[in-house]
Amino acid sequence: MLKIDIKPVTPPDVPAIVALAREIWQATYPGIITQEQIDFMLEQRYGNERLYDDLKDADKWLDQAFVGGRRSGFAFCELSKGEYKLDKLYVHPDLQRQGVGGALIAHAAARAGKLGYPAVILTVNKHNEKAIQSYHKHGFTVRESIETDIGRGFIMDDYLMEKRV
């Protein structure tokens, strides 16, 4: 079993998180969404300024996982429409299925419980079968199917999943 350390993301970590997001997205999303949508979503969600702003928001929590001192993944949570949402969860492909994602999920769920939220929700692309299987393994169930227009003609075709804490 890997020793996984979870620490908050701080401003000096932002460039490394941006780089890790790009690496993970390029390994995960081709074949699920177009390269044009990948580039748009990375720009929209992982620009340095966006992450610096997220760090200042009291209703958002940005955590990163380290394995052997190597930044291996991250999870961003936020309060959204009265619910505790796991908005982003990514693990480097070399370390997937080794407990890093599960540790980040457990960390997020524990925080949700401490804050009095009965569940953690997330959205996942309906065609990201590996992620869906992983979320089921960690206690998430599909609550509903949703489509979200994110601009520039792109639609996110997702499942909204929920895990009771």
Foldseek 3Di string as FASTA:
>chain_A
DFDKDKDFDDLVCLVVQLVQLLQQCVVQCVVQDDPVVSVVVSCVCRDSVNVVVQVVDPFKTKMFMDTPNHGFWIWMWGQDPNAIEGEDTTGRPVCPPPCHSVVRVVVSLVVCVVVPHFKYKYKDAPPRVVVVVVVVVNAKDFPAWDWDDPDPPDIRTITIIMHTD
